[in-house]
Amino acid sequence: MAIFLPRITQAKKILRRSFSNGSSSPTSMDIPKGYFAVYVGEEEKRRFVVPVSLLSQPEFQELLHLAEDEFGYNHPMGGLTIPCSEGIFVDLASRFGAV
């Protein structure tokens, strides 16, 4: 019988992984099923991989509206870019168990 890590522990490890603009380019294979990449930060963007379940949270939807207002549907980083500080994003994600 195999023992698997709880999904929450795995999600925390994935969320902690981030890439700066200068690092090797991540691929879609870096993102497990049920997750998506977001780029967060005011000047230098950091990449976070978060669970899709975060999309249903009203607070996260407000951030999506801000992103739409600022970037429209053109996200130059290749993933969803959210115009807020890393601290605000990490605080929000941790409230919903994504950190």
N, C-alpha and C. Protein backbone atom coordinates (compact mmCIF):
# COMPACT_ATOMS: atom_id res chain seq x y z
N MET A 1 0.85 -1.18 0.00
CA MET A 1 0.00 0.00 0.00
C MET A 1 0.89 1.24 0.00
N ALA A 2 0.66 2.14 -0.92
CA ALA A 2 1.46 3.36 -1.04
C ALA A 2 0.90 4.45 -0.14
N ILE A 3 1.79 5.26 0.38
CA ILE A 3 1.39 6.41 1.19
C ILE A 3 1.66 7.67 0.38
N PHE A 4 0.65 8.49 0.20
CA PHE A 4 0.79 9.71 -0.59
C PHE A 4 0.78 10.92 0.32
N LEU A 5 1.54 11.95 -0.06
CA LEU A 5 1.51 13.20 0.68
C LEU A 5 0.15 13.84 0.52
N PRO A 6 -0.36 14.45 1.56
CA PRO A 6 -1.63 15.17 1.40
C PRO A 6 -1.49 16.26 0.35
N ARG A 7 -2.54 16.50 -0.37
CA ARG A 7 -2.51 17.50 -1.44
C ARG A 7 -2.15 18.89 -0.92
N ILE A 8 -2.56 19.21 0.30
CA ILE A 8 -2.28 20.54 0.83
C ILE A 8 -0.79 20.74 1.01
N THR A 9 -0.09 19.74 1.48
CA THR A 9 1.36 19.84 1.64
C THR A 9 2.02 20.03 0.29
N GLN A 10 1.56 19.29 -0.70
CA GLN A 10 2.10 19.42 -2.05
C GLN A 10 1.81 20.82 -2.61
N ALA A 11 0.62 21.34 -2.37
CA ALA A 11 0.26 22.67 -2.86
C ALA A 11 1.14 23.74 -2.22
N LYS A 12 1.44 23.59 -0.94
CA LYS A 12 2.30 24.56 -0.26
C LYS A 12 3.69 24.58 -0.89
N LYS A 13 4.22 23.41 -1.19
CA LYS A 13 5.54 23.34 -1.81
C LYS A 13 5.53 23.99 -3.20
N ILE A 14 4.48 23.74 -3.95
CA ILE A 14 4.39 24.29 -5.30
C ILE A 14 4.24 25.80 -5.25
N LEU A 15 3.42 26.30 -4.31
CA LEU A 15 3.21 27.74 -4.21
C LEU A 15 4.49 28.46 -3.81
N ARG A 16 5.29 27.85 -2.97
CA ARG A 16 6.53 28.47 -2.53
C ARG A 16 7.54 28.60 -3.66
N ARG A 17 7.42 27.73 -4.67
CA ARG A 17 8.31 27.80 -5.81
C ARG A 17 7.97 29.03 -6.62
N SER A 18 8.93 29.84 -6.90
CA SER A 18 8.68 30.99 -7.75
C SER A 18 9.88 31.22 -8.65
N PHE A 19 9.64 31.94 -9.72
CA PHE A 19 10.69 32.22 -10.67
C PHE A 19 10.74 33.71 -10.91
N SER A 20 11.92 34.27 -10.97
CA SER A 20 12.04 35.67 -11.32
C SER A 20 12.13 35.78 -12.84
N ASN A 21 12.10 37.01 -13.36
CA ASN A 21 12.17 37.20 -14.81
C ASN A 21 13.48 36.71 -15.39
N GLY A 22 14.55 36.69 -14.61
CA GLY A 22 15.86 36.33 -15.13
C GLY A 22 16.15 34.85 -15.10
N SER A 23 15.32 34.05 -14.51
CA SER A 23 15.60 32.62 -14.40
C SER A 23 15.23 31.89 -15.69
N SER A 24 15.56 30.61 -15.73
CA SER A 24 15.21 29.83 -16.92
C SER A 24 13.70 29.83 -17.09
N SER A 25 13.26 29.84 -18.32
CA SER A 25 11.83 29.98 -18.56
C SER A 25 11.08 28.71 -18.16
N PRO A 26 10.04 28.87 -17.33
CA PRO A 26 9.24 27.72 -16.93
C PRO A 26 8.33 27.28 -18.06
N THR A 27 7.95 26.04 -18.05
CA THR A 27 7.06 25.52 -19.08
C THR A 27 5.75 25.12 -18.44
N SER A 28 4.78 24.81 -19.26
CA SER A 28 3.49 24.39 -18.73
C SER A 28 3.60 23.07 -17.99
N MET A 29 4.69 22.32 -18.21
CA MET A 29 4.88 21.06 -17.51
C MET A 29 5.21 21.30 -16.04
N ASP A 30 5.57 22.53 -15.66
CA ASP A 30 5.84 22.87 -14.27
C ASP A 30 4.55 22.98 -13.46
N ILE A 31 3.43 23.01 -14.13
CA ILE A 31 2.16 23.26 -13.47
C ILE A 31 1.35 21.97 -13.43
N PRO A 32 1.10 21.44 -12.23
CA PRO A 32 0.31 20.20 -12.14
C PRO A 32 -1.16 20.44 -12.46
N LYS A 33 -1.85 19.39 -12.79
CA LYS A 33 -3.27 19.46 -13.09
C LYS A 33 -4.01 20.02 -11.88
N GLY A 34 -4.94 20.95 -12.12
CA GLY A 34 -5.71 21.56 -11.04
C GLY A 34 -5.08 22.82 -10.48
N TYR A 35 -4.00 23.28 -11.11
CA TYR A 35 -3.30 24.49 -10.67
C TYR A 35 -3.10 25.41 -11.86
N PHE A 36 -2.76 26.67 -11.59
CA PHE A 36 -2.43 27.59 -12.65
C PHE A 36 -1.37 28.57 -12.15
N ALA A 37 -0.66 29.20 -13.07
CA ALA A 37 0.40 30.13 -12.72
C ALA A 37 -0.13 31.56 -12.71
N VAL A 38 0.32 32.32 -11.72
CA VAL A 38 0.04 33.75 -11.67
C VAL A 38 1.35 34.47 -11.42
N TYR A 39 1.45 35.67 -11.96
CA TYR A 39 2.61 36.53 -11.74
C TYR A 39 2.13 37.69 -10.90
N VAL A 40 2.82 37.92 -9.78
CA VAL A 40 2.38 38.91 -8.81
C VAL A 40 3.55 39.82 -8.47
N GLY A 41 3.24 41.09 -8.30
CA GLY A 41 4.25 42.06 -7.89
C GLY A 41 4.00 43.38 -8.57
N GLU A 42 4.49 44.43 -7.93
CA GLU A 42 4.26 45.75 -8.49
C GLU A 42 5.32 46.12 -9.52
N GLU A 43 6.58 45.83 -9.23
CA GLU A 43 7.64 46.12 -10.20
C GLU A 43 8.23 44.83 -10.74
N GLU A 44 8.89 44.06 -9.92
CA GLU A 44 9.42 42.77 -10.35
C GLU A 44 8.38 41.70 -10.05
N LYS A 45 8.00 40.95 -11.05
CA LYS A 45 6.95 39.94 -10.90
C LYS A 45 7.53 38.62 -10.42
N ARG A 46 6.80 37.97 -9.52
CA ARG A 46 7.15 36.63 -9.04
C ARG A 46 6.07 35.66 -9.46
N ARG A 47 6.48 34.47 -9.84
CA ARG A 47 5.54 33.46 -10.33
C ARG A 47 5.13 32.55 -9.17
N PHE A 48 3.81 32.36 -9.04
CA PHE A 48 3.25 31.44 -8.06
C PHE A 48 2.37 30.45 -8.79
N VAL A 49 2.34 29.22 -8.31
CA VAL A 49 1.45 28.20 -8.85
C VAL A 49 0.41 27.91 -7.77
N VAL A 50 -0.85 28.20 -8.07
CA VAL A 50 -1.91 28.11 -7.08
C VAL A 50 -3.03 27.19 -7.56
N PRO A 51 -3.82 26.65 -6.62
CA PRO A 51 -4.91 25.76 -7.03
C PRO A 51 -6.03 26.52 -7.73
N VAL A 52 -6.67 25.86 -8.67
CA VAL A 52 -7.78 26.44 -9.42
C VAL A 52 -8.94 26.83 -8.49
N SER A 53 -9.06 26.16 -7.36
CA SER A 53 -10.14 26.46 -6.41
C SER A 53 -10.10 27.90 -5.92
N LEU A 54 -8.94 28.55 -6.02
CA LEU A 54 -8.82 29.94 -5.61
C LEU A 54 -9.67 30.86 -6.49
N LEU A 55 -9.94 30.43 -7.72
CA LEU A 55 -10.73 31.24 -8.65
C LEU A 55 -12.15 31.51 -8.17
N SER A 56 -12.69 30.65 -7.33
CA SER A 56 -14.07 30.80 -6.88
C SER A 56 -14.20 31.75 -5.68
N GLN A 57 -13.10 32.20 -5.13
CA GLN A 57 -13.15 33.07 -3.95
C GLN A 57 -13.42 34.53 -4.37
N PRO A 58 -14.39 35.20 -3.74
CA PRO A 58 -14.72 36.58 -4.12
C PRO A 58 -13.53 37.54 -4.03
N GLU A 59 -12.68 37.38 -3.03
CA GLU A 59 -11.52 38.27 -2.88
C GLU A 59 -10.55 38.10 -4.05
N PHE A 60 -10.37 36.86 -4.49
CA PHE A 60 -9.49 36.61 -5.63
C PHE A 60 -10.12 37.14 -6.91
N GLN A 61 -11.43 37.05 -7.02
CA GLN A 61 -12.12 37.58 -8.20
C GLN A 61 -11.96 39.09 -8.30
N GLU A 62 -11.88 39.77 -7.15
CA GLU A 62 -11.61 41.22 -7.18
C GLU A 62 -10.24 41.49 -7.78
N LEU A 63 -9.25 40.67 -7.43
CA LEU A 63 -7.92 40.82 -8.01
C LEU A 63 -7.96 40.57 -9.52
N LEU A 64 -8.79 39.61 -9.94
CA LEU A 64 -8.92 39.34 -11.37
C LEU A 64 -9.52 40.54 -12.10
N HIS A 65 -10.47 41.23 -11.47
CA HIS A 65 -11.05 42.43 -12.09
C HIS A 65 -9.99 43.53 -12.21
N LEU A 66 -9.14 43.66 -11.19
CA LEU A 66 -8.05 44.64 -11.27
C LEU A 66 -7.10 44.29 -12.42
N ALA A 67 -6.80 43.01 -12.55
CA ALA A 67 -5.93 42.56 -13.64
C ALA A 67 -6.55 42.85 -15.00
N GLU A 68 -7.84 42.62 -15.10
CA GLU A 68 -8.54 42.89 -16.37
C GLU A 68 -8.51 44.38 -16.69
N ASP A 69 -8.74 45.22 -15.68
CA ASP A 69 -8.71 46.67 -15.90
C ASP A 69 -7.33 47.14 -16.35
N GLU A 70 -6.29 46.58 -15.75
CA GLU A 70 -4.93 47.04 -16.05
C GLU A 70 -4.35 46.42 -17.31
N PHE A 71 -4.56 45.12 -17.51
CA PHE A 71 -3.91 44.42 -18.62
C PHE A 71 -4.86 43.95 -19.71
N GLY A 72 -6.16 43.98 -19.47
CA GLY A 72 -7.09 43.39 -20.42
C GLY A 72 -6.83 41.90 -20.49
N TYR A 73 -6.74 41.37 -21.68
CA TYR A 73 -6.45 39.94 -21.83
C TYR A 73 -5.04 39.73 -22.37
N ASN A 74 -4.23 40.77 -22.35
CA ASN A 74 -2.85 40.69 -22.82
C ASN A 74 -1.94 40.59 -21.61
N HIS A 75 -1.46 39.40 -21.32
CA HIS A 75 -0.57 39.18 -20.18
C HIS A 75 0.82 38.84 -20.71
N PRO A 76 1.71 39.83 -20.74
CA PRO A 76 3.02 39.65 -21.37
C PRO A 76 3.91 38.60 -20.71
N MET A 77 3.64 38.22 -19.49
CA MET A 77 4.47 37.24 -18.79
C MET A 77 4.16 35.81 -19.24
N GLY A 78 3.09 35.62 -19.98
CA GLY A 78 2.73 34.29 -20.43
C GLY A 78 1.73 33.60 -19.52
N GLY A 79 1.45 34.19 -18.39
CA GLY A 79 0.46 33.68 -17.45
C GLY A 79 -0.35 34.85 -16.94
N LEU A 80 -1.25 34.59 -16.07
CA LEU A 80 -2.09 35.62 -15.49
C LEU A 80 -1.24 36.56 -14.64
N THR A 81 -1.29 37.86 -14.92
CA THR A 81 -0.54 38.86 -14.16
C THR A 81 -1.50 39.62 -13.27
N ILE A 82 -1.21 39.66 -11.97
CA ILE A 82 -2.08 40.33 -11.02
C ILE A 82 -1.36 41.55 -10.45
N PRO A 83 -1.95 42.74 -10.59
CA PRO A 83 -1.28 43.97 -10.15
C PRO A 83 -1.49 44.25 -8.66
N CYS A 84 -0.81 43.51 -7.81
CA CYS A 84 -0.83 43.79 -6.38
C CYS A 84 0.51 43.37 -5.79
N SER A 85 0.76 43.75 -4.56
CA SER A 85 2.03 43.39 -3.94
C SER A 85 2.05 41.90 -3.60
N GLU A 86 3.25 41.35 -3.50
CA GLU A 86 3.37 39.93 -3.13
C GLU A 86 2.77 39.67 -1.77
N GLY A 87 2.97 40.60 -0.84
CA GLY A 87 2.45 40.43 0.52
C GLY A 87 0.94 40.28 0.55
N ILE A 88 0.25 41.12 -0.20
CA ILE A 88 -1.22 41.04 -0.26
C ILE A 88 -1.65 39.71 -0.86
N PHE A 89 -0.99 39.29 -1.94
CA PHE A 89 -1.35 38.04 -2.59
C PHE A 89 -1.11 36.84 -1.68
N VAL A 90 0.05 36.80 -1.02
CA VAL A 90 0.37 35.67 -0.14
C VAL A 90 -0.60 35.63 1.03
N ASP A 91 -0.97 36.80 1.56
CA ASP A 91 -1.94 36.85 2.66
C ASP A 91 -3.28 36.29 2.20
N LEU A 92 -3.74 36.71 1.03
CA LEU A 92 -5.00 36.21 0.50
C LEU A 92 -4.95 34.71 0.25
N ALA A 93 -3.90 34.25 -0.40
CA ALA A 93 -3.77 32.83 -0.73
C ALA A 93 -3.69 31.98 0.55
N SER A 94 -3.03 32.50 1.57
CA SER A 94 -2.90 31.71 2.81
C SER A 94 -4.24 31.59 3.54
N ARG A 95 -5.09 32.60 3.42
CA ARG A 95 -6.42 32.51 4.05
C ARG A 95 -7.26 31.40 3.45
N PHE A 96 -6.99 31.03 2.21
CA PHE A 96 -7.77 29.98 1.55
C PHE A 96 -6.99 28.68 1.44
N GLY A 97 -5.92 28.55 2.20
CA GLY A 97 -5.16 27.31 2.25
C GLY A 97 -4.30 27.04 1.03
N ALA A 98 -4.01 28.06 0.24
CA ALA A 98 -3.18 27.87 -0.94
C ALA A 98 -1.70 28.07 -0.61
N VAL A 99 -1.40 28.47 0.60
CA VAL A 99 0.00 28.66 1.02
C VAL A 99 0.31 27.68 2.11
